[in-house]
C-alpha atoms as a PDB file:
ATOM      1  CA  UNK A   1     -24.772   7.703 -35.912  1.00  0.00           C
ATOM      2  CA  UNK A   2     -25.946   9.415 -32.743  1.00  0.00           C
ATOM      3  CA  UNK A   3     -28.973  11.350 -31.556  1.00  0.00           C
ATOM      4  CA  UNK A   4     -29.675  13.636 -28.621  1.00  0.00           C
ATOM      5  CA  UNK A   5     -31.871  12.513 -25.730  1.00  0.00           C
ATOM      6  CA  UNK A   6     -32.298  14.937 -22.822  1.00  0.00           C
ATOM      7  CA  UNK A   7     -29.177  16.898 -23.865  1.00  0.00           C
ATOM      8  CA  UNK A   8     -27.154  13.693 -23.963  1.00  0.00           C
ATOM      9  CA  UNK A   9     -25.636  12.221 -27.098  1.00  0.00           C
ATOM     10  CA  UNK A  10     -26.700   8.571 -27.475  1.00  0.00           C
ATOM     11  CA  UNK A  11     -25.214   5.981 -29.823  1.00  0.00           C
ATOM     12  CA  UNK A  12     -27.710   4.383 -32.179  1.00  0.00           C
ATOM     13  CA  UNK A  13     -25.468   1.638 -33.525  1.00  0.00           C
ATOM     14  CA  UNK A  14     -26.525  -1.971 -33.212  1.00  0.00           C
ATOM     15  CA  UNK A  15     -23.020  -3.403 -33.536  1.00  0.00           C
ATOM     16  CA  UNK A  16     -21.489  -4.795 -30.398  1.00  0.00           C
ATOM     17  CA  UNK A  17     -17.719  -4.549 -30.442  1.00  0.00           C
ATOM     18  CA  UNK A  18     -17.134  -7.996 -28.949  1.00  0.00           C
ATOM     19  CA  UNK A  19     -13.360  -7.573 -28.743  1.00  0.00           C
ATOM     20  CA  UNK A  20     -13.756  -4.409 -26.678  1.00  0.00           C
ATOM     21  CA  UNK A  21     -16.413  -5.948 -24.433  1.00  0.00           C
ATOM     22  CA  UNK A  22     -14.258  -9.034 -23.842  1.00  0.00           C
ATOM     23  CA  UNK A  23     -11.110  -7.001 -23.119  1.00  0.00           C
ATOM     24  CA  UNK A  24     -12.907  -4.743 -20.650  1.00  0.00           C
ATOM     25  CA  UNK A  25     -14.763  -7.649 -19.001  1.00  0.00           C
ATOM     26  CA  UNK A  26     -11.390  -9.306 -18.273  1.00  0.00           C
ATOM     27  CA  UNK A  27     -10.164  -6.141 -16.535  1.00  0.00           C
ATOM     28  CA  UNK A  28     -13.266  -5.469 -14.455  1.00  0.00           C
ATOM     29  CA  UNK A  29     -12.836  -5.910 -10.694  1.00  0.00           C
ATOM     30  CA  UNK A  30     -14.746  -8.625  -8.874  1.00  0.00           C
ATOM     31  CA  UNK A  31     -18.317  -7.846  -7.806  1.00  0.00           C
ATOM     32  CA  UNK A  32     -17.338  -7.772  -4.127  1.00  0.00           C
ATOM     33  CA  UNK A  33     -14.551  -5.263  -4.797  1.00  0.00           C
ATOM     34  CA  UNK A  34     -16.858  -2.916  -6.720  1.00  0.00           C
ATOM     35  CA  UNK A  35     -19.427  -3.137  -3.913  1.00  0.00           C
ATOM     36  CA  UNK A  36     -16.738  -2.265  -1.335  1.00  0.00           C
ATOM     37  CA  UNK A  37     -15.620   0.664  -3.479  1.00  0.00           C
ATOM     38  CA  UNK A  38     -19.195   1.931  -3.794  1.00  0.00           C
ATOM     39  CA  UNK A  39     -19.613   1.642  -0.007  1.00  0.00           C
ATOM     40  CA  UNK A  40     -16.427   3.665   0.510  1.00  0.00           C
ATOM     41  CA  UNK A  41     -17.716   6.425  -1.746  1.00  0.00           C
ATOM     42  CA  UNK A  42     -21.017   6.402   0.153  1.00  0.00           C
ATOM     43  CA  UNK A  43     -19.063   7.277   3.304  1.00  0.00           C
ATOM     44  CA  UNK A  44     -17.516  10.230   1.458  1.00  0.00           C
ATOM     45  CA  UNK A  45     -20.977  11.412   0.382  1.00  0.00           C
ATOM     46  CA  UNK A  46     -21.802  12.830   3.818  1.00  0.00           C
ATOM     47  CA  UNK A  47     -20.980  16.526   4.290  1.00  0.00           C
ATOM     48  CA  UNK A  48     -20.177  16.162   8.005  1.00  0.00           C
ATOM     49  CA  UNK A  49     -17.815  13.222   7.454  1.00  0.00           C
ATOM     50  CA  UNK A  50     -16.001  15.156   4.728  1.00  0.00           C
ATOM     51  CA  UNK A  51     -15.576  18.112   7.089  1.00  0.00           C
ATOM     52  CA  UNK A  52     -14.153  15.794   9.752  1.00  0.00           C
ATOM     53  CA  UNK A  53     -11.747  14.247   7.233  1.00  0.00           C
ATOM     54  CA  UNK A  54     -10.629  17.702   6.074  1.00  0.00           C
ATOM     55  CA  UNK A  55      -9.950  18.679   9.682  1.00  0.00           C
ATOM     56  CA  UNK A  56      -7.982  15.487  10.304  1.00  0.00           C
ATOM     57  CA  UNK A  57      -5.873  16.120   7.199  1.00  0.00           C
ATOM     58  CA  UNK A  58      -4.377  19.029   9.102  1.00  0.00           C
ATOM     59  CA  UNK A  59      -3.862  17.475  12.524  1.00  0.00           C
ATOM     60  CA  UNK A  60      -4.931  14.553  14.674  1.00  0.00           C
ATOM     61  CA  UNK A  61      -7.743  15.608  16.963  1.00  0.00           C
ATOM     62  CA  UNK A  62      -9.895  14.326  19.797  1.00  0.00           C
ATOM     63  CA  UNK A  63     -13.688  14.301  19.720  1.00  0.00           C
ATOM     64  CA  UNK A  64     -13.898  17.427  21.899  1.00  0.00           C
ATOM     65  CA  UNK A  65     -11.660  19.416  19.550  1.00  0.00           C
ATOM     66  CA  UNK A  66     -13.557  18.273  16.451  1.00  0.00           C
ATOM     67  CA  UNK A  67     -16.907  19.110  18.043  1.00  0.00           C
ATOM     68  CA  UNK A  68     -15.629  22.589  19.008  1.00  0.00           C
ATOM     69  CA  UNK A  69     -14.238  23.163  15.501  1.00  0.00           C
ATOM     70  CA  UNK A  70     -17.386  22.094  13.694  1.00  0.00           C
ATOM     71  CA  UNK A  71     -19.941  23.352  16.227  1.00  0.00           C
ATOM     72  CA  UNK A  72     -21.400  19.896  16.739  1.00  0.00           C
ATOM     73  CA  UNK A  73     -22.166  17.788  19.774  1.00  0.00           C
ATOM     74  CA  UNK A  74     -19.587  15.242  20.874  1.00  0.00           C
ATOM     75  CA  UNK A  75     -22.201  12.556  20.346  1.00  0.00           C
ATOM     76  CA  UNK A  76     -22.749  13.562  16.697  1.00  0.00           C
ATOM     77  CA  UNK A  77     -18.990  13.678  16.052  1.00  0.00           C
ATOM     78  CA  UNK A  78     -18.477  10.300  17.741  1.00  0.00           C
ATOM     79  CA  UNK A  79     -21.198   8.783  15.554  1.00  0.00           C
ATOM     80  CA  UNK A  80     -19.509  10.029  12.370  1.00  0.00           C
ATOM     81  CA  UNK A  81     -16.055   8.953  13.562  1.00  0.00           C
ATOM     82  CA  UNK A  82     -17.405   5.464  14.212  1.00  0.00           C
ATOM     83  CA  UNK A  83     -18.566   5.260  10.584  1.00  0.00           C
ATOM     84  CA  UNK A  84     -15.221   6.591   9.316  1.00  0.00           C
ATOM     85  CA  UNK A  85     -13.313   4.125  11.487  1.00  0.00           C
ATOM     86  CA  UNK A  86     -15.446   1.160  10.365  1.00  0.00           C
ATOM     87  CA  UNK A  87     -14.655   2.152   6.768  1.00  0.00           C
ATOM     88  CA  UNK A  88     -10.919   2.258   7.563  1.00  0.00           C
ATOM     89  CA  UNK A  89     -10.703   5.952   6.697  1.00  0.00           C
ATOM     90  CA  UNK A  90      -9.572   7.087  10.155  1.00  0.00           C
ATOM     91  CA  UNK A  91      -7.595   5.485  12.926  1.00  0.00           C
ATOM     92  CA  UNK A  92      -7.283   6.331  16.589  1.00  0.00           C
ATOM     93  CA  UNK A  93      -4.770   6.196  19.406  1.00  0.00           C
ATOM     94  CA  UNK A  94      -5.296   6.525  23.125  1.00  0.00           C
ATOM     95  CA  UNK A  95      -3.234   8.805  25.353  1.00  0.00           C
ATOM     96  CA  UNK A  96      -4.468   8.360  28.916  1.00  0.00           C
ATOM     97  CA  UNK A  97      -8.188   9.123  28.850  1.00  0.00           C
ATOM     98  CA  UNK A  98      -8.040  11.013  25.531  1.00  0.00           C
ATOM     99  CA  UNK A  99      -8.553   9.295  22.174  1.00  0.00           C
ATOM    100  CA  UNK A 100      -7.002  11.037  19.188  1.00  0.00           C
ATOM    101  CA  UNK A 101      -8.215  10.456  15.625  1.00  0.00           C
ATOM    102  CA  UNK A 102      -6.224  10.826  12.426  1.00  0.00           C
ATOM    103  CA  UNK A 103      -6.442   9.945   8.754  1.00  0.00           C
ATOM    104  CA  UNK A 104      -5.874   6.197   8.310  1.00  0.00           C
ATOM    105  CA  UNK A 105      -3.293   6.401   5.511  1.00  0.00           C
ATOM    106  CA  UNK A 106      -2.044   8.313   2.488  1.00  0.00           C
ATOM    107  CA  UNK A 107      -4.757   6.788   0.285  1.00  0.00           C
ATOM    108  CA  UNK A 108      -7.424   8.735   2.139  1.00  0.00           C
ATOM    109  CA  UNK A 109      -5.382  11.926   1.711  1.00  0.00           C
ATOM    110  CA  UNK A 110      -5.085  11.214  -2.022  1.00  0.00           C
ATOM    111  CA  UNK A 111      -8.824  10.654  -2.430  1.00  0.00           C
ATOM    112  CA  UNK A 112      -9.646  13.923  -0.673  1.00  0.00           C
ATOM    113  CA  UNK A 113      -6.923  15.862  -2.504  1.00  0.00           C
ATOM    114  CA  UNK A 114      -8.023  14.542  -5.895  1.00  0.00           C
ATOM    115  CA  UNK A 115     -11.663  15.265  -5.094  1.00  0.00           C
ATOM    116  CA  UNK A 116     -10.816  18.789  -3.956  1.00  0.00           C
ATOM    117  CA  UNK A 117      -8.734  19.392  -7.091  1.00  0.00           C
ATOM    118  CA  UNK A 118     -11.659  18.227  -9.244  1.00  0.00           C
ATOM    119  CA  UNK A 119     -14.149  20.460  -7.415  1.00  0.00           C
ATOM    120  CA  UNK A 120     -11.893  23.523  -7.644  1.00  0.00           C
ATOM    121  CA  UNK A 121     -11.125  22.971 -11.333  1.00  0.00           C
END
């Protein structure tokens, strides 16, 4: 039996399906892993960081190019890149005095692609 609370269907049963709870509990990631995952998604929650990641999906870029593309100061872009780098979402390489940033790996591309597909659905 269910009832509606704030347009949401809520179960009113009092039976706990112990076999289901036990099976799922055994497959749950460790607390530290879930905290790291939540922190990663927090990084993706910032509009500016997502724009930077979308730009870097297309081509590696330096801070000056990203700031010109997004109409932001180099300082603001550098701040966001620092956060993305600390979260292992971007990497950088130096060529003389210029530092180029790019997406860290294919996992980041997959996360953005899947998110974009979901949003456009």
